[in-house]
Amino acid sequence: MFVLDDLHWIAVLNSRTRMLKLATDAERAHAHGLVRSELAKIIETERAEDNRSVESPVIVNPSPQKKFKSYTTQFDDEVEYNEPGKKLTISVRAQREMETYLQMKLSRTTTLNNDNENPLLFWKEQEKLLPNMSKLSRKIFSIPASSTAVERAFSSADVVISQRRTNISPSTVNDIILIRSSTNRSKKNI
């Protein structure tokens, strides 16, 4: 049977596939847990780098009120996490940001960015509302889908650096490759 790797569950970050409609509830919970753990790592590194308190993200659609389990619990004070100045734990911040993202009402124009299906553009727009998820999505979606550009660069470097040219400085190699690529482009345009 076909088994998905943990990285496949990052499809939650794509605004078009974020609800994982074909996944089971357990798979959906697993995917959300993976994203929350990655968010927690990002928040932790941000906190370690900045050594400052991190504010809570703004909640667009707050979660519905919980039903009280007993008569006495309805009078208990609940901690309000949306107040500015309150410090949240890393896991709570990751949970809140994930909930905010999943509760967002996205129109077709918002998710498609004028018929451009690039998820990085969507996350650029959401950077202020969901800063950590935006960082995570840039980290994930900036990975190239193929290695042809890298292979092409190594191939051209192999042509430039031969047995007779082993002592060329790296800056000279870069210059030669740049000139070769620009002449190849000009030949294609003719």
Foldseek 3Di string as FASTA:
>chain_A
DDDDDLLVLCCLLQLVCVVVVVDDPVSNVSSLVSQLVQLLVLVVVVCVVPVDADAAFDAPDDDDDDDDPDPVVVPDDDDDRNDTPDGDHSSVSSVRLSVSSVPDDDDPCLNCVVVNNQSLVSLVVCCRRRVSSNVVCCVSSVPDPDCVVVVVVVVLLDVVCDPVRPPDDPVVSVVVSVVVVVVVVVVVVD
